[in-house]
N, C-alpha and C. Protein backbone atom coordinates (compact mmCIF):
# COMPACT_ATOMS: atom_id res chain seq x y z
N PHE A 1 37.48 54.07 -6.19
CA PHE A 1 36.26 53.31 -6.49
C PHE A 1 35.16 53.75 -5.54
N LEU A 2 34.30 54.65 -6.03
CA LEU A 2 33.27 55.21 -5.16
C LEU A 2 32.27 54.16 -4.71
N GLN A 3 32.06 53.10 -5.52
CA GLN A 3 31.12 52.04 -5.14
C GLN A 3 31.87 50.78 -4.70
N GLY A 4 33.14 50.91 -4.35
CA GLY A 4 33.95 49.75 -4.02
C GLY A 4 33.58 49.11 -2.69
N HIS A 5 33.65 47.79 -2.66
CA HIS A 5 33.41 47.00 -1.45
C HIS A 5 34.42 45.86 -1.40
N LEU A 6 34.80 45.49 -0.19
CA LEU A 6 35.63 44.30 -0.01
C LEU A 6 34.75 43.11 0.32
N ASP A 7 35.20 41.94 -0.12
CA ASP A 7 34.43 40.74 0.21
C ASP A 7 34.63 40.40 1.69
N ASP A 8 34.02 39.29 2.14
CA ASP A 8 34.03 38.94 3.57
C ASP A 8 35.42 38.62 4.08
N THR A 9 36.31 38.20 3.20
CA THR A 9 37.67 37.85 3.63
C THR A 9 38.64 39.01 3.45
N ASN A 10 38.12 40.14 2.94
CA ASN A 10 38.96 41.32 2.71
C ASN A 10 40.12 41.05 1.74
N THR A 11 39.87 40.17 0.78
CA THR A 11 40.92 39.85 -0.19
C THR A 11 40.52 40.19 -1.62
N CYS A 12 39.25 40.57 -1.80
CA CYS A 12 38.77 40.84 -3.16
C CYS A 12 37.99 42.16 -3.17
N LEU A 13 38.30 43.03 -4.15
CA LEU A 13 37.61 44.31 -4.29
C LEU A 13 36.48 44.17 -5.29
N ILE A 14 35.28 44.53 -4.86
CA ILE A 14 34.10 44.51 -5.73
C ILE A 14 33.80 45.96 -6.09
N THR A 15 33.78 46.28 -7.36
CA THR A 15 33.85 47.68 -7.79
C THR A 15 32.51 48.36 -8.03
N SER A 16 31.38 47.66 -7.81
CA SER A 16 30.09 48.33 -8.00
C SER A 16 29.08 47.81 -6.99
N ASN A 17 28.08 48.66 -6.72
CA ASN A 17 27.05 48.27 -5.77
C ASN A 17 26.25 47.07 -6.26
N ASP A 18 25.95 47.03 -7.57
CA ASP A 18 25.17 45.93 -8.12
C ASP A 18 25.93 44.60 -7.96
N ALA A 19 27.21 44.63 -8.26
CA ALA A 19 28.01 43.42 -8.12
C ALA A 19 28.10 42.98 -6.65
N TYR A 20 28.19 43.98 -5.75
CA TYR A 20 28.27 43.65 -4.32
C TYR A 20 26.94 43.06 -3.83
N ASP A 21 25.82 43.62 -4.32
CA ASP A 21 24.51 43.09 -3.95
C ASP A 21 24.38 41.63 -4.41
N ALA A 22 24.85 41.37 -5.64
CA ALA A 22 24.80 40.00 -6.16
C ALA A 22 25.69 39.07 -5.33
N TYR A 23 26.84 39.62 -4.92
CA TYR A 23 27.76 38.83 -4.09
C TYR A 23 27.12 38.50 -2.74
N ARG A 24 26.49 39.49 -2.11
CA ARG A 24 25.86 39.28 -0.82
C ARG A 24 24.73 38.26 -0.93
N GLU A 25 23.97 38.34 -2.03
CA GLU A 25 22.87 37.39 -2.25
C GLU A 25 23.39 35.97 -2.39
N LEU A 26 24.50 35.84 -3.14
CA LEU A 26 25.11 34.52 -3.33
C LEU A 26 25.63 33.97 -2.00
N MET A 27 26.28 34.82 -1.20
CA MET A 27 26.80 34.40 0.10
C MET A 27 25.68 33.96 1.03
N GLN A 28 24.55 34.69 0.97
CA GLN A 28 23.42 34.34 1.82
C GLN A 28 22.84 32.98 1.43
N LYS A 29 22.74 32.74 0.11
CA LYS A 29 22.21 31.46 -0.35
C LYS A 29 23.13 30.30 0.06
N GLN A 30 24.44 30.54 -0.06
CA GLN A 30 25.39 29.51 0.34
C GLN A 30 25.32 29.24 1.84
N GLN A 31 25.16 30.29 2.61
CA GLN A 31 25.05 30.14 4.06
C GLN A 31 23.79 29.36 4.43
N GLU A 32 22.68 29.68 3.76
CA GLU A 32 21.43 28.97 4.01
C GLU A 32 21.55 27.50 3.61
N ALA A 33 22.24 27.25 2.48
CA ALA A 33 22.43 25.88 2.02
C ALA A 33 23.25 25.08 3.03
N ARG A 34 24.33 25.72 3.54
CA ARG A 34 25.16 25.04 4.55
C ARG A 34 24.36 24.77 5.82
N LYS A 35 23.54 25.74 6.21
CA LYS A 35 22.72 25.58 7.40
C LYS A 35 21.73 24.43 7.23
N ASN A 36 21.08 24.39 6.06
CA ASN A 36 20.12 23.31 5.79
C ASN A 36 20.82 21.95 5.77
N GLU A 37 22.03 21.93 5.20
CA GLU A 37 22.79 20.69 5.14
C GLU A 37 23.16 20.20 6.53
N GLU A 38 23.58 21.13 7.39
CA GLU A 38 23.93 20.77 8.76
C GLU A 38 22.70 20.28 9.52
N GLU A 39 21.57 20.94 9.32
CA GLU A 39 20.34 20.52 9.99
C GLU A 39 19.91 19.14 9.51
N GLU A 40 20.09 18.87 8.22
CA GLU A 40 19.73 17.56 7.68
C GLU A 40 20.63 16.48 8.25
N LYS A 41 21.92 16.78 8.39
CA LYS A 41 22.86 15.82 8.97
C LYS A 41 22.48 15.52 10.42
N LYS A 42 22.16 16.58 11.18
CA LYS A 42 21.77 16.39 12.57
C LYS A 42 20.49 15.56 12.67
N LYS A 43 19.55 15.83 11.76
CA LYS A 43 18.28 15.09 11.75
C LYS A 43 18.52 13.61 11.48
N LYS A 44 19.37 13.33 10.48
CA LYS A 44 19.65 11.93 10.15
C LYS A 44 20.40 11.23 11.27
N ALA A 45 21.33 11.96 11.89
CA ALA A 45 22.06 11.38 13.01
C ALA A 45 21.13 11.08 14.18
N TRP A 46 20.20 11.99 14.45
CA TRP A 46 19.24 11.78 15.52
C TRP A 46 18.33 10.60 15.21
N GLU A 47 17.87 10.51 13.96
CA GLU A 47 17.00 9.40 13.56
C GLU A 47 17.74 8.07 13.67
N ALA A 48 19.01 8.06 13.24
CA ALA A 48 19.81 6.83 13.33
C ALA A 48 20.01 6.42 14.79
N LYS A 49 20.28 7.41 15.65
CA LYS A 49 20.46 7.13 17.07
C LYS A 49 19.17 6.60 17.68
N THR A 50 18.05 7.19 17.29
CA THR A 50 16.75 6.76 17.81
C THR A 50 16.45 5.33 17.38
N ARG A 51 16.74 5.02 16.11
CA ARG A 51 16.50 3.65 15.62
C ARG A 51 17.37 2.65 16.37
N GLU A 52 18.63 3.01 16.59
CA GLU A 52 19.54 2.10 17.28
C GLU A 52 19.12 1.90 18.74
N GLU A 53 18.65 2.96 19.38
CA GLU A 53 18.18 2.83 20.76
C GLU A 53 16.94 1.95 20.82
N GLU A 54 16.06 2.09 19.82
CA GLU A 54 14.86 1.26 19.77
C GLU A 54 15.23 -0.20 19.55
N ARG A 55 16.20 -0.44 18.68
CA ARG A 55 16.66 -1.81 18.45
C ARG A 55 17.28 -2.40 19.71
N ALA A 56 18.08 -1.58 20.39
CA ALA A 56 18.71 -2.06 21.62
C ALA A 56 17.65 -2.41 22.67
N ARG A 57 16.61 -1.59 22.74
CA ARG A 57 15.52 -1.87 23.70
C ARG A 57 14.82 -3.17 23.36
N LYS A 58 14.56 -3.39 22.06
CA LYS A 58 13.89 -4.61 21.64
C LYS A 58 14.78 -5.83 21.87
N ARG A 59 16.10 -5.66 21.68
CA ARG A 59 17.01 -6.78 21.88
C ARG A 59 17.00 -7.25 23.33
N GLN A 60 16.85 -6.29 24.24
CA GLN A 60 16.83 -6.65 25.65
C GLN A 60 15.60 -7.49 25.99
N GLN A 61 14.55 -7.37 25.18
CA GLN A 61 13.33 -8.13 25.40
C GLN A 61 13.33 -9.45 24.64
N MET A 62 14.36 -9.69 23.85
CA MET A 62 14.45 -10.91 23.06
C MET A 62 14.81 -12.11 23.91
N ASP A 63 14.58 -13.28 23.32
CA ASP A 63 15.12 -14.50 23.89
C ASP A 63 16.65 -14.36 23.97
N PRO A 64 17.25 -14.72 25.11
CA PRO A 64 18.71 -14.55 25.27
C PRO A 64 19.52 -15.18 24.15
N GLN A 65 19.08 -16.34 23.64
CA GLN A 65 19.81 -17.00 22.55
C GLN A 65 19.79 -16.15 21.29
N ILE A 66 18.63 -15.59 20.96
CA ILE A 66 18.50 -14.75 19.77
C ILE A 66 19.33 -13.48 19.94
N ARG A 67 19.30 -12.90 21.14
CA ARG A 67 20.06 -11.69 21.41
C ARG A 67 21.56 -11.95 21.23
N THR A 68 22.02 -13.12 21.68
CA THR A 68 23.43 -13.47 21.53
C THR A 68 23.80 -13.58 20.06
N VAL A 69 22.90 -14.17 19.26
CA VAL A 69 23.15 -14.30 17.82
C VAL A 69 23.26 -12.92 17.17
N ILE A 70 22.35 -12.02 17.51
CA ILE A 70 22.36 -10.67 16.95
C ILE A 70 23.65 -9.94 17.33
N GLU A 71 24.02 -10.03 18.59
CA GLU A 71 25.24 -9.35 19.05
C GLU A 71 26.49 -9.92 18.39
N THR A 72 26.50 -11.24 18.19
CA THR A 72 27.61 -11.87 17.49
C THR A 72 27.68 -11.38 16.05
N GLY A 73 26.50 -11.25 15.44
CA GLY A 73 26.45 -10.73 14.08
C GLY A 73 26.99 -9.32 13.99
N GLN A 74 26.66 -8.49 14.97
CA GLN A 74 27.17 -7.12 14.99
C GLN A 74 28.69 -7.10 15.12
N ASN A 75 29.23 -8.03 15.89
CA ASN A 75 30.69 -8.13 16.02
C ASN A 75 31.35 -8.49 14.71
N TYR A 76 30.73 -9.40 13.96
CA TYR A 76 31.28 -9.77 12.65
C TYR A 76 31.23 -8.59 11.68
N ILE A 77 30.15 -7.83 11.73
CA ILE A 77 30.03 -6.66 10.87
C ILE A 77 31.14 -5.65 11.18
N ARG A 78 31.42 -5.47 12.48
CA ARG A 78 32.50 -4.57 12.87
C ARG A 78 33.86 -5.08 12.38
N LYS A 79 34.06 -6.39 12.45
CA LYS A 79 35.32 -6.97 11.98
C LYS A 79 35.48 -6.77 10.48
N LEU A 80 34.39 -6.96 9.74
CA LEU A 80 34.45 -6.75 8.29
C LEU A 80 34.81 -5.29 7.98
N LYS A 81 34.23 -4.36 8.73
CA LYS A 81 34.53 -2.94 8.52
C LYS A 81 35.99 -2.64 8.85
N GLU A 82 36.50 -3.23 9.92
CA GLU A 82 37.90 -3.03 10.29
C GLU A 82 38.83 -3.53 9.20
N CYS A 83 38.51 -4.70 8.64
CA CYS A 83 39.31 -5.24 7.54
C CYS A 83 39.24 -4.33 6.32
N ASN A 84 38.04 -3.83 6.06
CA ASN A 84 37.85 -2.94 4.90
C ASN A 84 38.68 -1.67 5.05
N ASP A 85 38.70 -1.13 6.26
CA ASP A 85 39.48 0.08 6.51
C ASP A 85 40.98 -0.17 6.38
N ALA A 86 41.39 -1.39 6.68
CA ALA A 86 42.82 -1.70 6.68
C ALA A 86 43.34 -2.10 5.30
N ILE A 87 42.42 -2.43 4.37
CA ILE A 87 42.82 -2.88 3.03
C ILE A 87 42.52 -1.75 2.05
N PRO A 88 43.53 -1.18 1.40
CA PRO A 88 43.33 0.02 0.58
C PRO A 88 42.76 -0.23 -0.83
N GLY A 89 42.87 -1.43 -1.35
CA GLY A 89 42.47 -1.66 -2.74
C GLY A 89 41.01 -1.35 -3.00
N GLU A 90 40.73 -0.59 -4.05
CA GLU A 90 39.36 -0.16 -4.35
C GLU A 90 38.46 -1.33 -4.71
N VAL A 91 38.97 -2.25 -5.53
CA VAL A 91 38.15 -3.38 -6.00
C VAL A 91 37.77 -4.28 -4.83
N VAL A 92 38.76 -4.68 -4.05
CA VAL A 92 38.48 -5.57 -2.92
C VAL A 92 37.64 -4.85 -1.88
N SER A 93 37.81 -3.54 -1.74
CA SER A 93 37.03 -2.77 -0.79
C SER A 93 35.55 -2.80 -1.15
N GLU A 94 35.25 -2.73 -2.43
CA GLU A 94 33.85 -2.80 -2.87
C GLU A 94 33.25 -4.15 -2.53
N LYS A 95 34.02 -5.20 -2.67
CA LYS A 95 33.53 -6.55 -2.34
C LYS A 95 33.26 -6.67 -0.85
N ILE A 96 34.15 -6.13 -0.03
CA ILE A 96 33.97 -6.19 1.42
C ILE A 96 32.78 -5.34 1.84
N SER A 97 32.63 -4.17 1.23
CA SER A 97 31.49 -3.30 1.55
C SER A 97 30.18 -4.01 1.23
N ARG A 98 30.16 -4.73 0.12
CA ARG A 98 28.97 -5.49 -0.25
C ARG A 98 28.68 -6.57 0.79
N MET A 99 29.72 -7.23 1.26
CA MET A 99 29.55 -8.27 2.28
C MET A 99 29.05 -7.66 3.59
N GLU A 100 29.58 -6.50 3.94
CA GLU A 100 29.11 -5.79 5.14
C GLU A 100 27.60 -5.54 5.05
N GLU A 101 27.18 -4.98 3.91
CA GLU A 101 25.77 -4.62 3.73
C GLU A 101 24.88 -5.85 3.78
N LEU A 102 25.28 -6.92 3.10
CA LEU A 102 24.47 -8.14 3.08
C LEU A 102 24.38 -8.75 4.48
N THR A 103 25.51 -8.79 5.18
CA THR A 103 25.52 -9.34 6.54
C THR A 103 24.63 -8.52 7.46
N LYS A 104 24.70 -7.20 7.32
CA LYS A 104 23.86 -6.32 8.13
C LYS A 104 22.39 -6.61 7.87
N ARG A 105 22.02 -6.76 6.61
CA ARG A 105 20.61 -6.99 6.27
C ARG A 105 20.15 -8.37 6.73
N ILE A 106 21.03 -9.35 6.68
CA ILE A 106 20.68 -10.70 7.14
C ILE A 106 20.33 -10.67 8.63
N PHE A 107 21.15 -10.01 9.42
CA PHE A 107 20.89 -9.99 10.86
C PHE A 107 19.72 -9.06 11.21
N GLU A 108 19.48 -8.05 10.40
CA GLU A 108 18.29 -7.23 10.59
C GLU A 108 17.04 -8.08 10.37
N ARG A 109 17.12 -8.96 9.37
CA ARG A 109 15.98 -9.85 9.09
C ARG A 109 15.76 -10.82 10.24
N VAL A 110 16.84 -11.37 10.78
CA VAL A 110 16.72 -12.28 11.92
C VAL A 110 16.14 -11.54 13.12
N GLU A 111 16.51 -10.27 13.27
CA GLU A 111 15.97 -9.47 14.36
C GLU A 111 14.47 -9.27 14.19
N GLN A 112 14.03 -9.10 12.95
CA GLN A 112 12.61 -8.93 12.67
C GLN A 112 11.86 -10.25 12.81
N ASP A 113 12.50 -11.35 12.41
CA ASP A 113 11.88 -12.67 12.43
C ASP A 113 12.80 -13.66 13.13
N PRO A 114 12.75 -13.74 14.45
CA PRO A 114 13.67 -14.61 15.20
C PRO A 114 13.62 -16.07 14.78
N ASP A 115 12.51 -16.50 14.19
CA ASP A 115 12.42 -17.89 13.74
C ASP A 115 13.43 -18.20 12.64
N ALA A 116 13.95 -17.15 12.00
CA ALA A 116 14.91 -17.35 10.91
C ALA A 116 16.30 -17.67 11.41
N VAL A 117 16.49 -17.67 12.73
CA VAL A 117 17.83 -17.90 13.28
C VAL A 117 18.38 -19.27 12.89
N ASP A 118 17.49 -20.25 12.74
CA ASP A 118 17.95 -21.60 12.37
C ASP A 118 18.52 -21.63 10.96
N ASP A 119 18.10 -20.67 10.12
CA ASP A 119 18.54 -20.66 8.72
C ASP A 119 19.93 -20.05 8.55
N ILE A 120 20.48 -19.45 9.59
CA ILE A 120 21.79 -18.82 9.46
C ILE A 120 22.86 -19.54 10.28
N GLU A 121 22.58 -20.79 10.60
CA GLU A 121 23.53 -21.56 11.44
C GLU A 121 24.90 -21.67 10.78
N LYS A 122 24.92 -22.05 9.49
CA LYS A 122 26.20 -22.20 8.78
C LYS A 122 26.88 -20.85 8.59
N LEU A 123 26.08 -19.82 8.40
CA LEU A 123 26.64 -18.46 8.28
C LEU A 123 27.42 -18.11 9.53
N MET A 124 26.84 -18.41 10.68
CA MET A 124 27.47 -18.07 11.96
C MET A 124 28.68 -18.95 12.25
N GLU A 125 28.54 -20.24 11.99
CA GLU A 125 29.57 -21.19 12.41
C GLU A 125 30.72 -21.31 11.43
N TYR A 126 30.48 -21.00 10.16
CA TYR A 126 31.55 -21.22 9.19
C TYR A 126 31.79 -20.06 8.22
N TYR A 127 30.74 -19.60 7.55
CA TYR A 127 30.95 -18.64 6.47
C TYR A 127 31.56 -17.33 6.96
N LEU A 128 30.98 -16.72 8.00
CA LEU A 128 31.51 -15.45 8.48
C LEU A 128 32.90 -15.60 9.12
N PRO A 129 33.12 -16.62 9.97
CA PRO A 129 34.48 -16.78 10.51
C PRO A 129 35.52 -17.00 9.42
N THR A 130 35.15 -17.76 8.39
CA THR A 130 36.09 -18.00 7.29
C THR A 130 36.34 -16.73 6.50
N ALA A 131 35.28 -15.95 6.27
CA ALA A 131 35.43 -14.69 5.53
C ALA A 131 36.39 -13.75 6.27
N VAL A 132 36.22 -13.62 7.57
CA VAL A 132 37.09 -12.75 8.36
C VAL A 132 38.52 -13.27 8.33
N LYS A 133 38.69 -14.59 8.45
CA LYS A 133 40.03 -15.19 8.41
C LYS A 133 40.72 -14.90 7.07
N LEU A 134 39.98 -15.02 5.98
CA LEU A 134 40.55 -14.75 4.65
C LEU A 134 40.92 -13.28 4.51
N LEU A 135 40.09 -12.40 5.02
CA LEU A 135 40.37 -10.96 4.92
C LEU A 135 41.59 -10.58 5.76
N GLU A 136 41.72 -11.18 6.90
CA GLU A 136 42.91 -10.91 7.72
C GLU A 136 44.18 -11.40 7.02
N ALA A 137 44.07 -12.55 6.35
CA ALA A 137 45.20 -13.06 5.57
C ALA A 137 45.51 -12.12 4.40
N TYR A 138 44.44 -11.62 3.75
CA TYR A 138 44.62 -10.68 2.64
C TYR A 138 45.33 -9.42 3.11
N GLU A 139 44.90 -8.93 4.28
CA GLU A 139 45.52 -7.72 4.83
C GLU A 139 47.02 -7.94 5.06
N GLU A 140 47.37 -9.10 5.60
CA GLU A 140 48.79 -9.40 5.84
C GLU A 140 49.56 -9.49 4.53
N LEU A 141 48.98 -10.15 3.54
CA LEU A 141 49.65 -10.28 2.25
C LEU A 141 49.80 -8.92 1.57
N ASP A 142 48.76 -8.10 1.69
CA ASP A 142 48.76 -6.82 1.00
C ASP A 142 49.80 -5.86 1.57
N HIS A 143 50.20 -6.07 2.80
CA HIS A 143 51.18 -5.18 3.43
C HIS A 143 52.63 -5.63 3.22
N GLN A 144 52.78 -6.73 2.48
CA GLN A 144 54.15 -7.17 2.20
C GLN A 144 54.80 -6.22 1.19
N PRO A 145 56.03 -5.79 1.43
CA PRO A 145 56.68 -4.81 0.55
C PRO A 145 56.95 -5.35 -0.84
N VAL A 146 57.15 -6.67 -0.95
CA VAL A 146 57.41 -7.29 -2.25
C VAL A 146 56.23 -8.20 -2.58
N GLN A 147 55.55 -7.90 -3.68
CA GLN A 147 54.37 -8.68 -4.08
C GLN A 147 54.78 -9.73 -5.12
N GLY A 148 55.24 -10.90 -4.64
CA GLY A 148 55.65 -11.97 -5.54
C GLY A 148 54.47 -12.74 -6.09
N GLU A 149 54.78 -13.75 -6.90
CA GLU A 149 53.73 -14.53 -7.58
C GLU A 149 52.80 -15.23 -6.59
N ASN A 150 53.36 -15.83 -5.55
CA ASN A 150 52.54 -16.54 -4.57
C ASN A 150 51.58 -15.59 -3.86
N ILE A 151 52.09 -14.43 -3.49
CA ILE A 151 51.25 -13.45 -2.81
C ILE A 151 50.13 -12.96 -3.72
N LEU A 152 50.48 -12.63 -4.96
CA LEU A 152 49.48 -12.13 -5.90
C LEU A 152 48.42 -13.19 -6.19
N ASN A 153 48.84 -14.45 -6.34
CA ASN A 153 47.89 -15.53 -6.61
C ASN A 153 46.95 -15.74 -5.42
N SER A 154 47.51 -15.68 -4.21
CA SER A 154 46.69 -15.86 -3.01
C SER A 154 45.68 -14.73 -2.87
N LYS A 155 46.10 -13.52 -3.15
CA LYS A 155 45.19 -12.38 -3.07
C LYS A 155 44.07 -12.51 -4.10
N LYS A 156 44.42 -12.97 -5.30
CA LYS A 156 43.40 -13.15 -6.35
C LYS A 156 42.40 -14.23 -5.94
N GLU A 157 42.88 -15.32 -5.35
CA GLU A 157 41.98 -16.37 -4.90
C GLU A 157 41.02 -15.85 -3.83
N ILE A 158 41.52 -15.04 -2.92
CA ILE A 158 40.66 -14.49 -1.87
C ILE A 158 39.62 -13.55 -2.47
N GLU A 159 40.03 -12.71 -3.42
CA GLU A 159 39.10 -11.80 -4.07
C GLU A 159 37.98 -12.58 -4.77
N ASP A 160 38.35 -13.66 -5.48
CA ASP A 160 37.34 -14.47 -6.16
C ASP A 160 36.41 -15.14 -5.15
N THR A 161 36.96 -15.57 -4.02
CA THR A 161 36.15 -16.21 -2.99
C THR A 161 35.17 -15.22 -2.38
N LEU A 162 35.57 -13.95 -2.26
CA LEU A 162 34.65 -12.93 -1.76
C LEU A 162 33.44 -12.79 -2.68
N ASP A 163 33.67 -12.88 -3.98
CA ASP A 163 32.55 -12.85 -4.93
C ASP A 163 31.61 -14.02 -4.69
N THR A 164 32.19 -15.20 -4.50
CA THR A 164 31.38 -16.41 -4.26
C THR A 164 30.57 -16.27 -2.97
N LEU A 165 31.22 -15.76 -1.92
CA LEU A 165 30.52 -15.58 -0.65
C LEU A 165 29.40 -14.55 -0.77
N ASN A 166 29.64 -13.49 -1.49
CA ASN A 166 28.60 -12.47 -1.64
C ASN A 166 27.38 -13.02 -2.37
N ILE A 167 27.61 -13.84 -3.37
CA ILE A 167 26.49 -14.48 -4.08
C ILE A 167 25.71 -15.37 -3.12
N ALA A 168 26.44 -16.13 -2.29
CA ALA A 168 25.80 -17.00 -1.32
C ALA A 168 25.01 -16.19 -0.29
N PHE A 169 25.58 -15.07 0.16
CA PHE A 169 24.90 -14.24 1.14
C PHE A 169 23.63 -13.62 0.55
N GLU A 170 23.70 -13.22 -0.72
CA GLU A 170 22.51 -12.68 -1.40
C GLU A 170 21.41 -13.72 -1.46
N LYS A 171 21.78 -14.97 -1.78
CA LYS A 171 20.80 -16.06 -1.85
C LYS A 171 20.21 -16.33 -0.47
N LEU A 172 21.05 -16.32 0.55
CA LEU A 172 20.56 -16.55 1.90
C LEU A 172 19.59 -15.46 2.32
N LEU A 173 19.93 -14.21 2.05
CA LEU A 173 19.04 -13.10 2.40
C LEU A 173 17.70 -13.24 1.70
N ASP A 174 17.72 -13.61 0.43
CA ASP A 174 16.49 -13.80 -0.32
C ASP A 174 15.66 -14.93 0.27
N ASP A 175 16.32 -16.02 0.67
CA ASP A 175 15.62 -17.17 1.25
C ASP A 175 14.94 -16.80 2.57
N LEU A 176 15.52 -15.86 3.31
CA LEU A 176 14.94 -15.46 4.59
C LEU A 176 13.60 -14.76 4.41
N PHE A 177 13.32 -14.29 3.19
CA PHE A 177 12.05 -13.63 2.90
C PHE A 177 11.07 -14.57 2.20
N GLN A 178 11.40 -15.86 2.15
CA GLN A 178 10.56 -16.80 1.42
C GLN A 178 9.16 -16.90 2.03
N GLU A 179 9.10 -16.99 3.34
CA GLU A 179 7.79 -17.09 4.00
C GLU A 179 6.96 -15.84 3.75
N THR A 180 7.61 -14.67 3.79
CA THR A 180 6.90 -13.42 3.49
C THR A 180 6.37 -13.42 2.07
N ALA A 181 7.20 -13.94 1.14
CA ALA A 181 6.78 -14.00 -0.27
C ALA A 181 5.56 -14.90 -0.42
N TRP A 182 5.54 -16.02 0.30
CA TRP A 182 4.38 -16.92 0.24
C TRP A 182 3.13 -16.22 0.78
N ASP A 183 3.27 -15.50 1.90
CA ASP A 183 2.13 -14.80 2.48
C ASP A 183 1.60 -13.75 1.52
N VAL A 184 2.52 -12.99 0.87
CA VAL A 184 2.10 -11.97 -0.08
C VAL A 184 1.35 -12.59 -1.25
N SER A 185 1.91 -13.69 -1.78
CA SER A 185 1.28 -14.37 -2.91
C SER A 185 -0.10 -14.88 -2.54
N SER A 186 -0.23 -15.44 -1.34
CA SER A 186 -1.52 -15.94 -0.88
C SER A 186 -2.52 -14.82 -0.72
N ASP A 187 -2.09 -13.70 -0.14
CA ASP A 187 -2.99 -12.55 0.04
C ASP A 187 -3.46 -12.00 -1.30
N ILE A 188 -2.55 -11.94 -2.27
CA ILE A 188 -2.91 -11.42 -3.59
C ILE A 188 -3.90 -12.33 -4.27
N THR A 189 -3.70 -13.65 -4.14
CA THR A 189 -4.63 -14.62 -4.75
C THR A 189 -6.03 -14.46 -4.18
N VAL A 190 -6.12 -14.37 -2.85
CA VAL A 190 -7.42 -14.20 -2.20
C VAL A 190 -8.06 -12.88 -2.63
N LEU A 191 -7.26 -11.81 -2.68
CA LEU A 191 -7.77 -10.51 -3.08
C LEU A 191 -8.35 -10.54 -4.49
N LYS A 192 -7.64 -11.17 -5.41
CA LYS A 192 -8.12 -11.25 -6.80
C LYS A 192 -9.42 -12.05 -6.88
N MET A 193 -9.51 -13.13 -6.09
CA MET A 193 -10.74 -13.93 -6.10
C MET A 193 -11.92 -13.12 -5.59
N MET A 194 -11.70 -12.34 -4.53
CA MET A 194 -12.78 -11.53 -3.98
C MET A 194 -13.21 -10.44 -4.96
N LEU A 195 -12.23 -9.81 -5.61
CA LEU A 195 -12.56 -8.79 -6.60
C LEU A 195 -13.35 -9.37 -7.76
N ALA A 196 -12.97 -10.58 -8.19
CA ALA A 196 -13.68 -11.23 -9.30
C ALA A 196 -15.10 -11.58 -8.90
N GLN A 197 -15.27 -12.04 -7.66
CA GLN A 197 -16.61 -12.39 -7.18
C GLN A 197 -17.52 -11.17 -7.12
N GLU A 198 -16.91 -10.01 -6.82
CA GLU A 198 -17.69 -8.78 -6.73
C GLU A 198 -17.84 -8.08 -8.08
N GLY A 199 -17.26 -8.66 -9.13
CA GLY A 199 -17.34 -8.04 -10.45
C GLY A 199 -16.52 -6.77 -10.56
N LEU A 200 -15.38 -6.75 -9.85
CA LEU A 200 -14.57 -5.52 -9.82
C LEU A 200 -13.22 -5.68 -10.51
N THR A 201 -13.06 -6.73 -11.31
CA THR A 201 -11.80 -6.89 -12.04
C THR A 201 -11.86 -6.11 -13.34
N GLU A 202 -10.71 -5.96 -13.98
CA GLU A 202 -10.63 -5.18 -15.23
C GLU A 202 -11.51 -5.78 -16.31
N ASP A 203 -11.52 -7.11 -16.40
CA ASP A 203 -12.35 -7.76 -17.42
C ASP A 203 -13.83 -7.49 -17.18
N ASP A 204 -14.21 -7.44 -15.91
CA ASP A 204 -15.60 -7.14 -15.60
C ASP A 204 -15.98 -5.74 -15.98
N PHE A 205 -15.05 -4.80 -15.83
CA PHE A 205 -15.31 -3.42 -16.23
C PHE A 205 -15.55 -3.34 -17.74
N LYS A 206 -14.72 -4.11 -18.50
CA LYS A 206 -14.82 -4.06 -19.95
C LYS A 206 -16.12 -4.67 -20.45
N THR A 207 -16.63 -5.68 -19.73
CA THR A 207 -17.85 -6.37 -20.17
C THR A 207 -19.09 -5.92 -19.43
N GLY A 208 -18.92 -4.87 -18.63
CA GLY A 208 -20.06 -4.38 -17.89
C GLY A 208 -20.46 -5.30 -16.75
N GLY A 209 -19.49 -6.16 -16.30
CA GLY A 209 -19.80 -7.06 -15.19
C GLY A 209 -20.48 -8.31 -15.63
N LYS A 210 -20.66 -8.53 -16.92
CA LYS A 210 -21.34 -9.73 -17.44
C LYS A 210 -20.32 -10.72 -17.93
N SER A 211 -20.56 -11.98 -17.66
CA SER A 211 -19.67 -13.03 -18.12
C SER A 211 -20.13 -13.56 -19.46
């Protein structure tokens, strides 16, 4: 093979220059794609680290009571993740992942608006501890070698309760933005009134600004 070339692993013979050129071009594109992917991963990791460091700095400036609440919330999130890692079922894992995400967002909101800490009192004192307790019980039941009727029924009850808790957590998260929603609504109302006074609404454009 006068135009023969071996590939990079020396396991494949490429029998023409044109085919080898195409192979080299493909390898170069794949290498560039991998490089870009690695750079993107490093960038995201750096950004995540920077955000976490900024949050940690802000937490140190918080009221000690609020900081304790945030740190406790982070501990619960870690416990939920540990339970999720220990429980293999795909369906229940999705429910736990949803709870993790909602809990994370709730405490992020409290971090942004410390006044909201009073609204998560029951979450801290009862809902999250109960959720973790149920998941630990589920983990123990799930590891039993024989899955009898009582075990299966208990696991089903816990799964259904996770759905109920997730709905409650979603409602709580939405309620934490209630004051923001009121402010937005008020700002929009004032803006529309000012636009109407200046003859800059859509109806004014259609009528040439005449009422």
